[in-house]
Amino acid sequence: MAVDQPRIEAAVREILAAIGEDPDRGGLVDTPARVARMYGEVFEGLGQDAHEPLSTTFDIEHQELVLVRDIRFHSMCEHHLLPFMGSAHVGYIPDGGTVTGLSKLARLVNVYARRPQVQERLTFQIADALMEELGAAGAIVVIEAEHMCMSMRGVRAEGARTVTSAVRGMLRESASTRAEAMSLINRA
């Protein structure tokens, strides 16, 4: 799905006028087109199939935790259309030895992050996809992010980081397995 660039451009021109700026001023004349192109990039996840990143699997008889830490991402808060950015830590326990490529976990994070989002939903969407698409025996997703809607406006709490988690299957049921995953996530 491509964004409607002319419509975004018109809306940005209107916003500029509404805040008291002249959209035809030299520094702003190309801004509506730039914003429209940027929205096409930032929201490209809306046009992507969230099932696709996990569609490639391998049978290697691995049934222990697979964890990718520090997957950097950025997203846009659906409440203020301001960015939030941080790191996702994504792990799963294969069921029956079926695994996916490590890069596919980063792709999965980006498909969901590049949509209007809230961090809580982003977290559980990733965990649920691991369970549903891979048939994982367990999944854990921990996301840490700074939200510009808290840093730039409102409370102006610069540097405050929000942490969310979603734990499924074996990782939820077994305290020792969950503790192992969290210790790996929290390593410095």
Protein backbone atom coordinates (compact mmCIF):
# COMPACT_ATOMS: atom_id res chain seq x y z
CA MET A 1 0.00 0.00 0.00
CA ALA A 2 1.48 3.32 -1.06
CA VAL A 3 0.66 6.46 0.84
CA ASP A 4 -1.40 9.12 -0.90
CA GLN A 5 1.42 11.65 -1.31
CA PRO A 6 -0.63 14.51 -2.83
CA ARG A 7 -3.14 14.23 0.02
CA ILE A 8 -0.36 14.29 2.66
CA GLU A 9 1.26 17.27 0.94
CA ALA A 10 -2.02 19.21 1.04
CA ALA A 11 -2.52 18.32 4.71
CA VAL A 12 1.01 19.43 5.63
CA ARG A 13 0.54 22.73 3.79
CA GLU A 14 -2.65 23.23 5.83
CA ILE A 15 -0.87 22.42 9.10
CA LEU A 16 1.89 24.90 8.29
CA ALA A 17 -0.68 27.59 7.59
CA ALA A 18 -2.64 26.67 10.74
CA ILE A 19 0.42 27.20 12.98
CA GLY A 20 0.99 30.62 11.41
CA GLU A 21 3.71 29.74 8.93
CA ASP A 22 3.81 30.57 5.25
CA PRO A 23 3.97 27.25 3.35
CA ASP A 24 5.36 29.13 0.34
CA ARG A 25 8.34 30.49 2.32
CA GLY A 26 11.68 29.39 0.84
CA GLY A 27 12.61 26.98 3.64
CA LEU A 28 9.15 25.41 3.73
CA VAL A 29 8.15 25.22 0.08
CA ASP A 30 9.42 21.64 -0.34
CA THR A 31 8.48 20.50 3.17
CA PRO A 32 5.06 19.04 2.29
CA ALA A 33 6.64 16.77 -0.36
CA ARG A 34 9.45 15.78 2.02
CA VAL A 35 6.95 14.88 4.75
CA ALA A 36 4.87 12.83 2.29
CA ARG A 37 7.95 10.84 1.22
CA MET A 38 8.98 10.39 4.85
CA TYR A 39 5.53 9.06 5.78
CA GLY A 40 5.84 6.55 2.95
CA GLU A 41 9.02 5.22 4.59
CA VAL A 42 7.95 5.47 8.23
CA PHE A 43 4.63 3.70 7.64
CA GLU A 44 5.79 1.15 5.07
CA GLY A 45 4.80 -1.65 7.47
CA LEU A 46 1.15 -0.96 6.64
CA GLY A 47 1.74 -2.37 3.17
CA GLN A 48 3.76 -5.37 4.32
CA ASP A 49 2.48 -8.82 5.22
CA ALA A 50 3.40 -9.49 8.85
CA HIS A 51 3.35 -13.24 8.16
CA GLU A 52 6.05 -13.04 5.48
CA PRO A 53 9.17 -12.58 7.66
CA LEU A 54 8.55 -15.89 9.44
CA SER A 55 7.55 -17.84 6.34
CA THR A 56 11.09 -19.17 5.80
CA THR A 57 11.92 -21.92 8.29
CA PHE A 58 14.53 -24.61 8.72
CA ASP A 59 14.32 -27.98 10.45
CA ILE A 60 17.49 -28.38 12.50
CA GLU A 61 16.12 -30.14 15.57
CA HIS A 62 16.99 -27.20 17.83
CA GLN A 63 14.63 -27.02 20.79
CA GLU A 64 16.41 -24.55 23.06
CA LEU A 65 16.03 -20.80 23.38
CA VAL A 66 16.85 -18.66 20.33
CA LEU A 67 17.28 -15.01 21.30
CA VAL A 68 18.22 -11.90 19.34
CA ARG A 69 18.95 -8.90 21.55
CA ASP A 70 19.17 -5.22 20.78
CA ILE A 71 17.14 -5.05 17.58
CA ARG A 72 17.04 -1.29 17.07
CA PHE A 73 13.76 0.07 15.78
CA HIS A 74 11.75 3.26 15.46
CA SER A 75 8.01 3.64 15.30
CA MET A 76 5.38 6.35 15.42
CA CYS A 77 3.07 6.76 18.39
CA GLU A 78 -0.47 6.56 17.09
CA HIS A 79 -1.66 9.10 19.65
CA HIS A 80 0.58 12.04 18.68
CA LEU A 81 2.34 10.87 15.48
CA LEU A 82 5.66 11.42 17.20
CA PRO A 83 8.44 8.83 17.08
CA PHE A 84 9.42 6.35 19.71
CA MET A 85 12.60 4.37 19.36
CA GLY A 86 14.56 1.78 21.20
CA SER A 87 15.53 -1.88 21.26
CA ALA A 88 13.57 -5.08 21.00
CA HIS A 89 14.81 -8.34 22.50
CA VAL A 90 13.07 -11.27 20.81
CA GLY A 91 13.32 -14.90 21.81
CA TYR A 92 11.50 -18.15 21.21
CA ILE A 93 11.76 -21.84 21.89
CA PRO A 94 11.22 -23.88 18.72
CA ASP A 95 8.69 -26.68 18.91
CA GLY A 96 9.77 -29.72 16.93
CA GLY A 97 13.06 -28.17 15.84
CA THR A 98 11.71 -25.65 13.34
CA VAL A 99 13.60 -22.35 13.40
CA THR A 100 13.61 -19.21 11.29
CA GLY A 101 16.53 -17.10 10.14
CA LEU A 102 17.87 -14.68 12.73
CA SER A 103 17.41 -11.71 10.38
CA LYS A 104 13.74 -12.65 10.09
CA LEU A 105 13.24 -11.69 13.74
CA ALA A 106 14.55 -8.18 13.01
CA ARG A 107 12.32 -8.00 9.92
CA LEU A 108 9.31 -9.01 12.02
CA VAL A 109 10.02 -6.20 14.50
CA ASN A 110 10.28 -3.69 11.66
CA VAL A 111 7.07 -4.77 9.91
CA TYR A 112 5.07 -4.10 13.07
CA ALA A 113 7.10 -1.03 14.14
CA ARG A 114 6.56 0.74 10.81
CA ARG A 115 2.88 1.28 11.47
CA PRO A 116 1.06 3.74 13.72
CA GLN A 117 1.67 1.95 17.03
CA VAL A 118 1.66 1.83 20.77
CA GLN A 119 4.54 0.01 22.41
CA GLU A 120 2.30 -2.42 24.28
CA ARG A 121 0.65 -3.65 21.05
CA LEU A 122 3.99 -3.82 19.23
CA THR A 123 5.31 -6.10 21.98
CA PHE A 124 2.44 -8.58 21.95
CA GLN A 125 2.11 -8.60 18.15
CA ILE A 126 5.69 -9.83 17.85
CA ALA A 127 5.23 -12.50 20.55
CA ASP A 128 1.94 -13.69 19.07
CA ALA A 129 3.46 -13.93 15.58
CA LEU A 130 6.25 -16.16 16.91
CA MET A 131 3.72 -18.46 18.51
CA GLU A 132 1.31 -18.54 15.56
CA GLU A 133 3.65 -18.45 12.57
CA LEU A 134 6.46 -20.62 13.93
CA GLY A 135 4.37 -22.78 16.20
CA ALA A 136 6.90 -21.94 18.90
CA ALA A 137 6.73 -23.70 22.25
CA GLY A 138 7.35 -20.36 23.93
CA ALA A 139 8.16 -16.74 23.14
CA ILE A 140 9.47 -13.70 24.96
CA VAL A 141 9.63 -10.12 23.72
CA VAL A 142 10.98 -7.24 25.78
CA ILE A 143 10.98 -3.75 24.31
CA GLU A 144 12.68 -0.69 25.77
CA ALA A 145 11.95 2.64 24.11
CA GLU A 146 12.02 6.39 24.54
CA HIS A 147 8.87 8.17 23.42
CA MET A 148 9.15 11.66 21.95
CA CYS A 149 5.56 12.32 23.02
CA MET A 150 6.89 12.16 26.60
CA SER A 151 10.26 13.80 25.92
CA MET A 152 9.31 16.72 23.66
CA ARG A 153 5.89 17.65 25.01
CA GLY A 154 3.64 17.16 27.98
CA VAL A 155 5.68 16.00 30.96
CA ARG A 156 8.98 16.53 29.02
CA ALA A 157 10.62 13.55 30.70
CA GLU A 158 13.73 13.37 28.52
CA GLY A 159 15.54 10.06 28.73
CA ALA A 160 12.66 8.18 30.36
CA ARG A 161 12.42 4.70 28.88
CA THR A 162 9.34 2.52 28.78
CA VAL A 163 9.77 -1.23 29.11
CA THR A 164 7.10 -3.70 27.98
CA SER A 165 7.15 -7.47 27.81
CA ALA A 166 5.10 -10.29 26.39
CA VAL A 167 5.73 -13.87 27.48
CA ARG A 168 4.02 -16.88 25.93
CA GLY A 169 3.96 -20.67 26.26
CA MET A 170 6.85 -22.46 28.00
CA LEU A 171 8.55 -19.18 28.82
CA ARG A 172 5.48 -18.11 30.77
CA GLU A 173 4.87 -21.45 32.41
CA SER A 174 8.43 -22.18 33.58
CA ALA A 175 9.95 -19.67 35.99
CA SER A 176 13.46 -21.05 35.46
CA THR A 177 13.20 -20.86 31.64
CA ARG A 178 11.84 -17.32 31.86
CA ALA A 179 14.65 -16.37 34.30
CA GLU A 180 17.26 -17.78 31.87
CA ALA A 181 15.80 -15.71 29.03
CA MET A 182 15.70 -12.54 31.15
CA SER A 183 19.29 -13.04 32.29
CA LEU A 184 20.39 -13.28 28.66
CA ILE A 185 18.37 -10.18 27.74
CA ASN A 186 19.79 -8.18 30.67
CA ARG A 187 23.46 -9.00 30.04
CA ALA A 188 25.51 -5.87 29.65
